[in-house]
N, C-alpha and C. Protein backbone atom coordinates (compact mmCIF):
# COMPACT_ATOMS: atom_id res chain seq x y z
N UNK A 1 -76.27 19.13 29.41
CA UNK A 1 -76.36 20.48 29.93
C UNK A 1 -75.77 20.57 31.34
N UNK A 2 -76.00 19.51 32.13
CA UNK A 2 -75.48 19.50 33.49
C UNK A 2 -73.95 19.49 33.48
N UNK A 3 -73.36 18.75 32.56
CA UNK A 3 -71.91 18.69 32.48
C UNK A 3 -71.33 20.04 32.06
N UNK A 4 -72.03 20.73 31.20
CA UNK A 4 -71.56 22.04 30.74
C UNK A 4 -71.50 23.03 31.90
N UNK A 5 -72.51 23.00 32.77
CA UNK A 5 -72.53 23.90 33.93
C UNK A 5 -71.44 23.53 34.93
N UNK A 6 -71.23 22.24 35.14
CA UNK A 6 -70.20 21.83 36.09
C UNK A 6 -68.80 22.15 35.56
N UNK A 7 -68.60 22.02 34.26
CA UNK A 7 -67.30 22.39 33.67
C UNK A 7 -67.08 23.89 33.80
N UNK A 8 -68.13 24.66 33.54
CA UNK A 8 -68.02 26.12 33.66
C UNK A 8 -67.73 26.53 35.10
N UNK A 9 -68.37 25.86 36.05
CA UNK A 9 -68.13 26.15 37.47
C UNK A 9 -66.69 25.80 37.85
N UNK A 10 -66.20 24.66 37.36
CA UNK A 10 -64.81 24.27 37.63
C UNK A 10 -63.84 25.29 37.03
N UNK A 11 -64.09 25.72 35.79
CA UNK A 11 -63.21 26.69 35.14
C UNK A 11 -63.20 28.02 35.88
N UNK A 12 -64.37 28.45 36.38
CA UNK A 12 -64.43 29.69 37.15
C UNK A 12 -63.62 29.57 38.44
N UNK A 13 -63.76 28.43 39.12
CA UNK A 13 -62.99 28.21 40.36
C UNK A 13 -61.50 28.19 40.08
N UNK A 14 -61.11 27.54 39.00
CA UNK A 14 -59.69 27.48 38.63
C UNK A 14 -59.18 28.87 38.26
N UNK A 15 -59.99 29.66 37.58
CA UNK A 15 -59.61 31.02 37.22
C UNK A 15 -59.42 31.88 38.47
N UNK A 16 -60.30 31.72 39.45
CA UNK A 16 -60.16 32.47 40.71
C UNK A 16 -58.86 32.07 41.41
N UNK A 17 -58.52 30.79 41.39
CA UNK A 17 -57.25 30.34 41.97
C UNK A 17 -56.07 30.97 41.24
N UNK A 18 -56.15 31.03 39.92
CA UNK A 18 -55.07 31.64 39.14
C UNK A 18 -54.92 33.12 39.49
N UNK A 19 -56.03 33.82 39.62
CA UNK A 19 -55.96 35.24 39.95
C UNK A 19 -55.42 35.45 41.37
N UNK A 20 -55.74 34.53 42.28
CA UNK A 20 -55.19 34.62 43.64
C UNK A 20 -53.67 34.42 43.62
N UNK A 21 -53.19 33.50 42.78
CA UNK A 21 -51.74 33.29 42.66
C UNK A 21 -51.07 34.53 42.10
N UNK A 22 -51.67 35.14 41.08
CA UNK A 22 -51.10 36.36 40.50
C UNK A 22 -51.09 37.48 41.53
N UNK A 23 -52.14 37.59 42.33
CA UNK A 23 -52.20 38.64 43.35
C UNK A 23 -51.14 38.41 44.43
N UNK A 24 -50.98 37.16 44.88
CA UNK A 24 -49.95 36.85 45.89
C UNK A 24 -48.56 37.12 45.33
N UNK A 25 -48.35 36.82 44.06
CA UNK A 25 -47.07 37.12 43.40
C UNK A 25 -46.80 38.62 43.43
N UNK A 26 -47.82 39.41 43.14
CA UNK A 26 -47.62 40.86 43.11
C UNK A 26 -47.31 41.41 44.50
N UNK A 27 -48.00 40.91 45.51
CA UNK A 27 -47.75 41.37 46.88
C UNK A 27 -46.36 40.96 47.33
N UNK A 28 -45.97 39.71 47.07
CA UNK A 28 -44.64 39.26 47.50
C UNK A 28 -43.54 40.01 46.75
N UNK A 29 -43.75 40.31 45.48
CA UNK A 29 -42.76 41.08 44.73
C UNK A 29 -42.63 42.50 45.27
N UNK A 30 -43.74 43.10 45.68
CA UNK A 30 -43.68 44.44 46.29
C UNK A 30 -42.92 44.39 47.62
N UNK A 31 -43.22 43.40 48.44
CA UNK A 31 -42.54 43.29 49.74
C UNK A 31 -41.05 43.08 49.55
N UNK A 32 -40.68 42.18 48.63
CA UNK A 32 -39.26 41.91 48.39
C UNK A 32 -38.56 43.15 47.86
N UNK A 33 -39.17 43.83 46.89
CA UNK A 33 -38.51 45.00 46.31
C UNK A 33 -38.39 46.14 47.32
N UNK A 34 -39.43 46.38 48.14
CA UNK A 34 -39.34 47.41 49.18
C UNK A 34 -38.26 47.05 50.19
N UNK A 35 -38.24 45.80 50.64
CA UNK A 35 -37.27 45.39 51.65
C UNK A 35 -35.84 45.52 51.14
N UNK A 36 -35.60 45.02 49.94
CA UNK A 36 -34.24 45.10 49.39
C UNK A 36 -33.84 46.55 49.17
N UNK A 37 -34.75 47.36 48.65
CA UNK A 37 -34.41 48.75 48.38
C UNK A 37 -34.16 49.53 49.66
N UNK A 38 -34.98 49.33 50.68
CA UNK A 38 -34.82 50.10 51.91
C UNK A 38 -33.67 49.61 52.77
N UNK A 39 -33.46 48.30 52.82
CA UNK A 39 -32.44 47.75 53.72
C UNK A 39 -31.05 47.69 53.11
N UNK A 40 -30.95 47.39 51.82
CA UNK A 40 -29.63 47.09 51.26
C UNK A 40 -29.25 47.96 50.07
N UNK A 41 -29.94 49.06 49.86
CA UNK A 41 -29.62 49.86 48.66
C UNK A 41 -28.24 50.50 48.75
N UNK A 42 -27.79 50.84 49.95
CA UNK A 42 -26.46 51.45 50.07
C UNK A 42 -25.36 50.44 49.82
N UNK A 43 -25.53 49.25 50.34
CA UNK A 43 -24.51 48.23 50.17
C UNK A 43 -24.51 47.70 48.75
N UNK A 44 -25.69 47.44 48.20
CA UNK A 44 -25.79 46.92 46.84
C UNK A 44 -25.67 48.02 45.79
N UNK A 45 -25.77 49.26 46.22
CA UNK A 45 -25.78 50.42 45.33
C UNK A 45 -26.87 50.25 44.28
N UNK A 46 -28.04 49.90 44.76
CA UNK A 46 -29.20 49.66 43.91
C UNK A 46 -29.82 50.99 43.49
N UNK A 47 -30.06 51.13 42.21
CA UNK A 47 -30.63 52.39 41.72
C UNK A 47 -32.14 52.39 41.90
N UNK A 48 -32.70 53.58 41.83
CA UNK A 48 -34.14 53.74 41.93
C UNK A 48 -34.84 53.11 40.73
N UNK A 49 -34.18 53.07 39.58
CA UNK A 49 -34.77 52.49 38.38
C UNK A 49 -35.09 51.01 38.53
N UNK A 50 -34.22 50.26 39.17
CA UNK A 50 -34.46 48.83 39.40
C UNK A 50 -35.67 48.65 40.31
N UNK A 51 -35.73 49.48 41.35
CA UNK A 51 -36.87 49.42 42.26
C UNK A 51 -38.16 49.77 41.53
N UNK A 52 -38.13 50.81 40.70
CA UNK A 52 -39.33 51.21 39.96
C UNK A 52 -39.76 50.14 38.96
N UNK A 53 -38.80 49.45 38.36
CA UNK A 53 -39.12 48.35 37.44
C UNK A 53 -39.87 47.24 38.17
N UNK A 54 -39.34 46.81 39.31
CA UNK A 54 -40.01 45.77 40.09
C UNK A 54 -41.36 46.24 40.62
N UNK A 55 -41.43 47.50 41.02
CA UNK A 55 -42.69 48.05 41.51
C UNK A 55 -43.72 48.12 40.38
N UNK A 56 -43.28 48.45 39.17
CA UNK A 56 -44.18 48.50 38.02
C UNK A 56 -44.73 47.13 37.66
N UNK A 57 -43.86 46.12 37.68
CA UNK A 57 -44.32 44.75 37.39
C UNK A 57 -45.31 44.29 38.45
N UNK A 58 -45.01 44.56 39.72
CA UNK A 58 -45.91 44.10 40.77
C UNK A 58 -47.24 44.86 40.74
N UNK A 59 -47.21 46.15 40.42
CA UNK A 59 -48.46 46.91 40.33
C UNK A 59 -49.32 46.44 39.16
N UNK A 60 -48.68 46.15 38.03
CA UNK A 60 -49.42 45.64 36.88
C UNK A 60 -50.00 44.27 37.18
N UNK A 61 -49.27 43.43 37.90
CA UNK A 61 -49.79 42.12 38.29
C UNK A 61 -50.99 42.26 39.22
N UNK A 62 -50.90 43.18 40.17
CA UNK A 62 -52.02 43.40 41.09
C UNK A 62 -53.25 43.90 40.34
N UNK A 63 -53.05 44.85 39.43
CA UNK A 63 -54.16 45.37 38.64
C UNK A 63 -54.78 44.27 37.78
N UNK A 64 -53.95 43.44 37.19
CA UNK A 64 -54.44 42.33 36.37
C UNK A 64 -55.26 41.35 37.19
N UNK A 65 -54.80 41.02 38.38
CA UNK A 65 -55.54 40.05 39.20
C UNK A 65 -56.85 40.64 39.73
N UNK A 66 -56.84 41.91 40.12
CA UNK A 66 -58.07 42.54 40.62
C UNK A 66 -59.11 42.63 39.50
N UNK A 67 -58.66 43.05 38.31
CA UNK A 67 -59.58 43.08 37.17
C UNK A 67 -60.05 41.68 36.81
N UNK A 68 -59.17 40.70 36.95
CA UNK A 68 -59.55 39.32 36.67
C UNK A 68 -60.67 38.82 37.56
N UNK A 69 -60.64 39.22 38.84
CA UNK A 69 -61.73 38.84 39.74
C UNK A 69 -63.05 39.46 39.29
N UNK A 70 -62.99 40.69 38.78
CA UNK A 70 -64.21 41.41 38.41
C UNK A 70 -64.80 40.97 37.08
N UNK A 71 -64.00 40.49 36.16
CA UNK A 71 -64.55 40.19 34.83
C UNK A 71 -65.41 38.93 34.80
N UNK A 72 -65.30 38.10 35.82
CA UNK A 72 -66.15 36.91 35.84
C UNK A 72 -67.63 37.26 36.00
N UNK A 73 -67.91 38.35 36.69
CA UNK A 73 -69.29 38.71 36.98
C UNK A 73 -69.83 39.84 36.12
N UNK A 74 -69.12 40.24 35.12
CA UNK A 74 -69.58 41.33 34.27
C UNK A 74 -69.84 40.82 32.86
N UNK A 75 -70.72 41.50 32.19
CA UNK A 75 -71.01 41.16 30.81
C UNK A 75 -70.42 42.19 29.86
N UNK A 76 -69.71 43.17 30.39
CA UNK A 76 -69.14 44.24 29.56
C UNK A 76 -67.88 43.74 28.86
N UNK A 77 -67.88 43.87 27.57
CA UNK A 77 -66.73 43.44 26.76
C UNK A 77 -65.54 44.38 26.95
N UNK A 78 -65.80 45.64 27.31
CA UNK A 78 -64.72 46.60 27.49
C UNK A 78 -63.81 46.19 28.65
N UNK A 79 -64.40 45.78 29.77
CA UNK A 79 -63.59 45.33 30.91
C UNK A 79 -62.78 44.09 30.54
N UNK A 80 -63.41 43.19 29.83
CA UNK A 80 -62.73 41.96 29.41
C UNK A 80 -61.57 42.28 28.48
N UNK A 81 -61.80 43.17 27.53
CA UNK A 81 -60.74 43.56 26.60
C UNK A 81 -59.61 44.27 27.35
N UNK A 82 -59.96 45.14 28.28
CA UNK A 82 -58.95 45.85 29.07
C UNK A 82 -58.11 44.86 29.88
N UNK A 83 -58.77 43.86 30.49
CA UNK A 83 -58.03 42.86 31.27
C UNK A 83 -57.09 42.06 30.38
N UNK A 84 -57.57 41.66 29.20
CA UNK A 84 -56.72 40.90 28.29
C UNK A 84 -55.53 41.74 27.84
N UNK A 85 -55.75 43.02 27.55
CA UNK A 85 -54.64 43.90 27.15
C UNK A 85 -53.62 44.06 28.26
N UNK A 86 -54.08 44.26 29.49
CA UNK A 86 -53.15 44.42 30.62
C UNK A 86 -52.38 43.11 30.85
N UNK A 87 -53.06 41.99 30.75
CA UNK A 87 -52.39 40.71 30.95
C UNK A 87 -51.37 40.45 29.85
N UNK A 88 -51.69 40.78 28.62
CA UNK A 88 -50.73 40.61 27.51
C UNK A 88 -49.54 41.56 27.69
N UNK A 89 -49.80 42.79 28.14
CA UNK A 89 -48.71 43.72 28.43
C UNK A 89 -47.81 43.14 29.51
N UNK A 90 -48.41 42.59 30.55
CA UNK A 90 -47.64 42.00 31.64
C UNK A 90 -46.82 40.80 31.16
N UNK A 91 -47.41 39.97 30.33
CA UNK A 91 -46.69 38.81 29.80
C UNK A 91 -45.50 39.27 28.96
N UNK A 92 -45.71 40.25 28.10
CA UNK A 92 -44.60 40.76 27.28
C UNK A 92 -43.52 41.40 28.14
N UNK A 93 -43.91 42.13 29.16
CA UNK A 93 -42.96 42.76 30.06
C UNK A 93 -42.13 41.71 30.79
N UNK A 94 -42.75 40.61 31.18
CA UNK A 94 -42.03 39.55 31.86
C UNK A 94 -41.09 38.81 30.92
N UNK A 95 -41.46 38.68 29.65
CA UNK A 95 -40.56 38.07 28.67
C UNK A 95 -39.32 38.94 28.51
N UNK A 96 -39.50 40.26 28.45
CA UNK A 96 -38.36 41.18 28.36
C UNK A 96 -37.48 41.04 29.60
N UNK A 97 -38.10 40.92 30.77
CA UNK A 97 -37.34 40.74 32.01
C UNK A 97 -36.54 39.44 31.97
N UNK A 98 -37.12 38.37 31.45
CA UNK A 98 -36.40 37.09 31.36
C UNK A 98 -35.23 37.20 30.39
N UNK A 99 -35.42 37.91 29.29
CA UNK A 99 -34.33 38.09 28.33
C UNK A 99 -33.21 38.92 28.95
N UNK A 100 -33.58 39.99 29.65
CA UNK A 100 -32.57 40.83 30.30
C UNK A 100 -31.84 40.07 31.41
N UNK A 101 -32.55 39.18 32.11
CA UNK A 101 -31.90 38.45 33.19
C UNK A 101 -30.87 37.46 32.67
N UNK A 102 -30.98 37.06 31.41
CA UNK A 102 -29.98 36.14 30.86
C UNK A 102 -28.63 36.82 30.69
N UNK A 103 -28.62 38.15 30.71
CA UNK A 103 -27.36 38.89 30.59
C UNK A 103 -26.66 39.11 31.93
N UNK A 104 -27.31 38.75 33.03
CA UNK A 104 -26.73 38.99 34.35
C UNK A 104 -25.33 38.41 34.53
N UNK A 105 -25.09 37.14 34.23
CA UNK A 105 -23.74 36.61 34.46
C UNK A 105 -22.67 37.29 33.60
N UNK A 106 -23.00 37.64 32.35
CA UNK A 106 -22.00 38.27 31.49
C UNK A 106 -21.68 39.70 31.94
N UNK A 107 -22.67 40.38 32.49
CA UNK A 107 -22.47 41.77 32.92
C UNK A 107 -21.94 41.86 34.34
N UNK A 108 -21.87 40.74 35.06
CA UNK A 108 -21.50 40.81 36.47
C UNK A 108 -20.07 41.28 36.68
N UNK A 109 -19.13 40.98 35.77
CA UNK A 109 -17.76 41.45 35.95
C UNK A 109 -17.69 42.96 35.81
N UNK A 110 -18.25 43.51 34.75
CA UNK A 110 -18.21 44.95 34.53
C UNK A 110 -18.98 45.68 35.62
N UNK A 111 -20.19 45.20 35.91
CA UNK A 111 -21.03 45.83 36.93
C UNK A 111 -20.37 45.75 38.30
N UNK A 112 -19.88 44.57 38.65
CA UNK A 112 -19.24 44.38 39.94
C UNK A 112 -17.96 45.16 40.10
N UNK A 113 -17.17 45.26 39.03
CA UNK A 113 -15.92 46.02 39.07
C UNK A 113 -16.19 47.49 39.34
N UNK A 114 -17.19 48.05 38.68
CA UNK A 114 -17.54 49.46 38.90
C UNK A 114 -18.06 49.70 40.31
N UNK A 115 -18.88 48.79 40.79
CA UNK A 115 -19.43 48.97 42.14
C UNK A 115 -18.33 48.77 43.18
N UNK A 116 -17.46 47.79 42.97
CA UNK A 116 -16.38 47.54 43.93
C UNK A 116 -15.46 48.76 44.02
N UNK A 117 -15.23 49.40 42.89
CA UNK A 117 -14.37 50.60 42.87
C UNK A 117 -14.99 51.72 43.70
N UNK A 118 -16.31 51.84 43.68
CA UNK A 118 -16.98 52.93 44.39
C UNK A 118 -17.26 52.65 45.85
N UNK A 119 -16.98 51.45 46.33
CA UNK A 119 -17.27 51.11 47.72
C UNK A 119 -16.22 51.67 48.66
N UNK A 120 -16.67 52.02 49.85
CA UNK A 120 -15.71 52.43 50.88
C UNK A 120 -15.25 51.18 51.64
N UNK A 121 -14.35 51.36 52.59
CA UNK A 121 -13.78 50.23 53.33
C UNK A 121 -14.83 49.45 54.12
N UNK A 122 -15.77 50.19 54.72
CA UNK A 122 -16.83 49.53 55.49
C UNK A 122 -17.65 48.61 54.59
N UNK A 123 -18.02 49.08 53.41
CA UNK A 123 -18.82 48.27 52.49
C UNK A 123 -18.04 47.05 52.01
N UNK A 124 -16.76 47.25 51.68
CA UNK A 124 -15.94 46.11 51.24
C UNK A 124 -15.79 45.08 52.35
N UNK A 125 -15.55 45.54 53.59
CA UNK A 125 -15.46 44.62 54.72
C UNK A 125 -16.76 43.85 54.90
N UNK A 126 -17.88 44.56 54.78
CA UNK A 126 -19.18 43.90 54.94
C UNK A 126 -19.38 42.82 53.88
N UNK A 127 -19.09 43.14 52.63
CA UNK A 127 -19.26 42.18 51.53
C UNK A 127 -18.32 40.99 51.73
N UNK A 128 -17.06 41.25 52.09
CA UNK A 128 -16.10 40.17 52.27
C UNK A 128 -16.48 39.27 53.44
N UNK A 129 -16.97 39.85 54.52
CA UNK A 129 -17.40 39.04 55.66
C UNK A 129 -18.68 38.27 55.35
N UNK A 130 -19.60 38.94 54.69
CA UNK A 130 -20.90 38.32 54.40
C UNK A 130 -20.77 37.15 53.43
N UNK A 131 -19.97 37.32 52.38
CA UNK A 131 -19.86 36.30 51.34
C UNK A 131 -18.59 35.45 51.46
N UNK A 132 -17.80 35.69 52.51
CA UNK A 132 -16.59 34.91 52.78
C UNK A 132 -15.66 34.87 51.57
N UNK A 133 -15.32 36.07 51.11
CA UNK A 133 -14.44 36.21 49.95
C UNK A 133 -13.42 37.30 50.24
N UNK A 134 -12.48 37.47 49.33
CA UNK A 134 -11.43 38.47 49.53
C UNK A 134 -11.07 39.09 48.19
N UNK A 135 -11.00 40.42 48.13
CA UNK A 135 -10.66 41.09 46.88
C UNK A 135 -11.78 40.97 45.86
N UNK A 136 -11.53 41.51 44.66
CA UNK A 136 -12.58 41.39 43.65
C UNK A 136 -12.23 40.37 42.58
N UNK A 137 -11.33 40.71 41.66
CA UNK A 137 -11.00 39.76 40.58
C UNK A 137 -10.19 38.58 41.11
N UNK A 138 -9.25 38.88 41.98
CA UNK A 138 -8.54 37.83 42.70
C UNK A 138 -8.42 38.28 44.15
N UNK A 139 -7.84 37.46 44.99
CA UNK A 139 -7.85 37.75 46.43
C UNK A 139 -7.00 38.95 46.81
N UNK A 140 -6.11 39.40 45.94
CA UNK A 140 -5.28 40.56 46.27
C UNK A 140 -5.74 41.83 45.54
N UNK A 141 -6.84 41.77 44.81
CA UNK A 141 -7.33 42.90 44.03
C UNK A 141 -8.21 43.81 44.88
N UNK A 142 -7.65 44.93 45.33
CA UNK A 142 -8.38 45.98 46.06
C UNK A 142 -9.20 45.44 47.22
N UNK A 143 -8.61 44.58 48.01
CA UNK A 143 -9.36 44.06 49.15
C UNK A 143 -9.40 45.09 50.27
N UNK A 144 -10.30 44.87 51.21
CA UNK A 144 -10.46 45.78 52.34
C UNK A 144 -9.33 45.56 53.34
N UNK A 145 -9.35 46.33 54.40
CA UNK A 145 -8.27 46.27 55.39
C UNK A 145 -8.18 44.91 56.06
N UNK A 146 -9.32 44.30 56.37
CA UNK A 146 -9.33 43.00 57.02
C UNK A 146 -9.92 41.98 56.05
N UNK A 147 -9.14 40.94 55.76
CA UNK A 147 -9.65 39.91 54.85
C UNK A 147 -9.22 38.54 55.38
N UNK A 148 -10.18 37.78 55.87
CA UNK A 148 -9.89 36.48 56.46
C UNK A 148 -10.10 35.31 55.51
N UNK A 149 -10.58 35.56 54.31
CA UNK A 149 -10.96 34.48 53.40
C UNK A 149 -10.14 34.59 52.13
N UNK A 150 -8.95 34.03 52.14
CA UNK A 150 -8.01 34.16 51.02
C UNK A 150 -8.21 33.08 49.95
N UNK A 151 -9.22 32.21 50.11
CA UNK A 151 -9.35 31.10 49.16
C UNK A 151 -10.19 31.43 47.93
N UNK A 152 -11.04 32.47 47.95
CA UNK A 152 -11.81 32.81 46.76
C UNK A 152 -12.04 34.31 46.66
N UNK A 153 -12.13 34.77 45.42
CA UNK A 153 -12.36 36.19 45.18
C UNK A 153 -13.86 36.48 45.22
N UNK A 154 -14.19 37.74 45.42
CA UNK A 154 -15.60 38.13 45.49
C UNK A 154 -16.26 38.06 44.12
N UNK A 155 -15.47 38.14 43.03
CA UNK A 155 -16.09 38.01 41.71
C UNK A 155 -16.66 36.62 41.50
N UNK A 156 -15.96 35.59 41.99
CA UNK A 156 -16.49 34.23 41.86
C UNK A 156 -17.82 34.10 42.59
N UNK A 157 -17.90 34.70 43.76
CA UNK A 157 -19.14 34.66 44.53
C UNK A 157 -20.23 35.44 43.79
N UNK A 158 -19.89 36.63 43.29
CA UNK A 158 -20.85 37.45 42.55
C UNK A 158 -21.33 36.72 41.29
N UNK A 159 -20.42 36.07 40.60
CA UNK A 159 -20.80 35.34 39.39
C UNK A 159 -21.75 34.19 39.71
N UNK A 160 -21.45 33.43 40.77
CA UNK A 160 -22.35 32.34 41.17
C UNK A 160 -23.71 32.86 41.62
N UNK A 161 -23.71 34.01 42.33
CA UNK A 161 -24.97 34.62 42.72
C UNK A 161 -25.77 35.07 41.51
N UNK A 162 -25.10 35.64 40.52
CA UNK A 162 -25.81 36.09 39.33
C UNK A 162 -26.37 34.92 38.54
N UNK A 163 -25.65 33.78 38.52
CA UNK A 163 -26.19 32.58 37.87
C UNK A 163 -27.44 32.07 38.57
N UNK A 164 -27.39 32.01 39.90
CA UNK A 164 -28.56 31.52 40.63
C UNK A 164 -29.71 32.52 40.56
N UNK A 165 -29.41 33.82 40.56
CA UNK A 165 -30.47 34.83 40.41
C UNK A 165 -31.12 34.74 39.04
N UNK A 166 -30.31 34.54 38.01
CA UNK A 166 -30.85 34.39 36.66
C UNK A 166 -31.77 33.18 36.58
N UNK A 167 -31.34 32.07 37.16
CA UNK A 167 -32.15 30.86 37.13
C UNK A 167 -33.47 31.07 37.89
N UNK A 168 -33.40 31.75 39.04
CA UNK A 168 -34.61 32.02 39.81
C UNK A 168 -35.57 32.93 39.04
N UNK A 169 -35.05 33.99 38.43
CA UNK A 169 -35.90 34.91 37.67
C UNK A 169 -36.54 34.19 36.50
N UNK A 170 -35.76 33.41 35.78
CA UNK A 170 -36.31 32.70 34.61
C UNK A 170 -37.37 31.68 35.01
N UNK A 171 -37.14 30.96 36.08
CA UNK A 171 -38.14 29.98 36.52
C UNK A 171 -39.42 30.66 36.99
N UNK A 172 -39.28 31.74 37.76
CA UNK A 172 -40.49 32.41 38.24
C UNK A 172 -41.24 33.08 37.09
N UNK A 173 -40.52 33.63 36.11
CA UNK A 173 -41.19 34.25 34.97
C UNK A 173 -41.90 33.19 34.12
N UNK A 174 -41.26 32.05 33.90
CA UNK A 174 -41.90 30.98 33.13
C UNK A 174 -43.16 30.49 33.85
N UNK A 175 -43.08 30.35 35.17
CA UNK A 175 -44.25 29.94 35.94
C UNK A 175 -45.38 30.96 35.81
N UNK A 176 -45.04 32.24 35.95
CA UNK A 176 -46.07 33.28 35.84
C UNK A 176 -46.63 33.37 34.42
N UNK A 177 -45.79 33.17 33.41
CA UNK A 177 -46.29 33.17 32.04
C UNK A 177 -47.30 32.04 31.84
N UNK A 178 -46.99 30.89 32.38
CA UNK A 178 -47.92 29.76 32.29
C UNK A 178 -49.23 30.08 32.98
N UNK A 179 -49.15 30.61 34.20
CA UNK A 179 -50.35 30.92 34.97
C UNK A 179 -51.19 31.98 34.26
N UNK A 180 -50.55 33.06 33.80
CA UNK A 180 -51.30 34.14 33.16
C UNK A 180 -51.91 33.71 31.83
N UNK A 181 -51.18 32.92 31.05
CA UNK A 181 -51.74 32.45 29.78
C UNK A 181 -52.89 31.46 30.02
N UNK A 182 -52.80 30.67 31.08
CA UNK A 182 -53.92 29.79 31.44
C UNK A 182 -55.15 30.62 31.80
N UNK A 183 -54.92 31.73 32.49
CA UNK A 183 -56.04 32.62 32.83
C UNK A 183 -56.72 33.18 31.60
N UNK A 184 -55.93 33.61 30.62
CA UNK A 184 -56.50 34.13 29.37
C UNK A 184 -57.28 33.04 28.64
N UNK A 185 -56.74 31.84 28.61
CA UNK A 185 -57.44 30.72 27.94
C UNK A 185 -58.75 30.39 28.64
N UNK A 186 -58.73 30.37 29.96
CA UNK A 186 -59.95 30.04 30.71
C UNK A 186 -61.01 31.11 30.51
N UNK A 187 -60.62 32.38 30.55
CA UNK A 187 -61.58 33.45 30.32
C UNK A 187 -62.15 33.36 28.91
N UNK A 188 -61.31 33.03 27.96
CA UNK A 188 -61.80 32.87 26.59
C UNK A 188 -62.83 31.75 26.51
N UNK A 189 -62.58 30.64 27.20
CA UNK A 189 -63.54 29.54 27.21
C UNK A 189 -64.85 29.92 27.89
N UNK A 190 -64.73 30.64 29.01
CA UNK A 190 -65.93 30.99 29.77
C UNK A 190 -66.75 32.07 29.06
N UNK A 191 -66.09 33.12 28.62
CA UNK A 191 -66.81 34.29 28.12
C UNK A 191 -67.21 34.18 26.65
N UNK A 192 -66.40 33.55 25.84
CA UNK A 192 -66.69 33.56 24.41
C UNK A 192 -67.39 32.30 23.92
N UNK A 193 -67.47 31.31 24.75
CA UNK A 193 -68.12 30.06 24.37
C UNK A 193 -69.57 30.10 24.84
N UNK A 194 -70.46 29.78 24.00
CA UNK A 194 -71.89 29.81 24.36
C UNK A 194 -72.36 28.47 24.85
């Protein structure tokens, strides 16, 4: 009996740690999405939809973690069911995000070409100076007035950035899927096991 109580106490502590990780993830995702949207939306030509998607994921994560803290001390099955449904929704949403992120490198040429076409000279100069590239498809393709980096095109830089962004998104989503599914398993052990 003593071992059962100590295991339950350990599982509760581990569950609280998991919920803290999910909450920190949601806060950091909100900060990153707000910062990128407010500071670089003109240069990146970031739409409001991308910001709302990230804001929705972070809000759902925050709601899931807050409810997760509360379900440990309640005996109501409705709260537990609601938390499990929100967590499953979040897990499915993150799987969709991971699948969509795998298309980033393939779409980067079309997406980048359209954005490059719509940029003014100031934006092109900023991108070329920031990423040390020149032109888009090749170094002579629609470059800005001043171009000091004739050795690589901006598409190569954009493609490499999209590859690293895809890898980062997939790794963070896999980590969060692991954490959230561990939380569901722990709650199932604590609440449904007598």
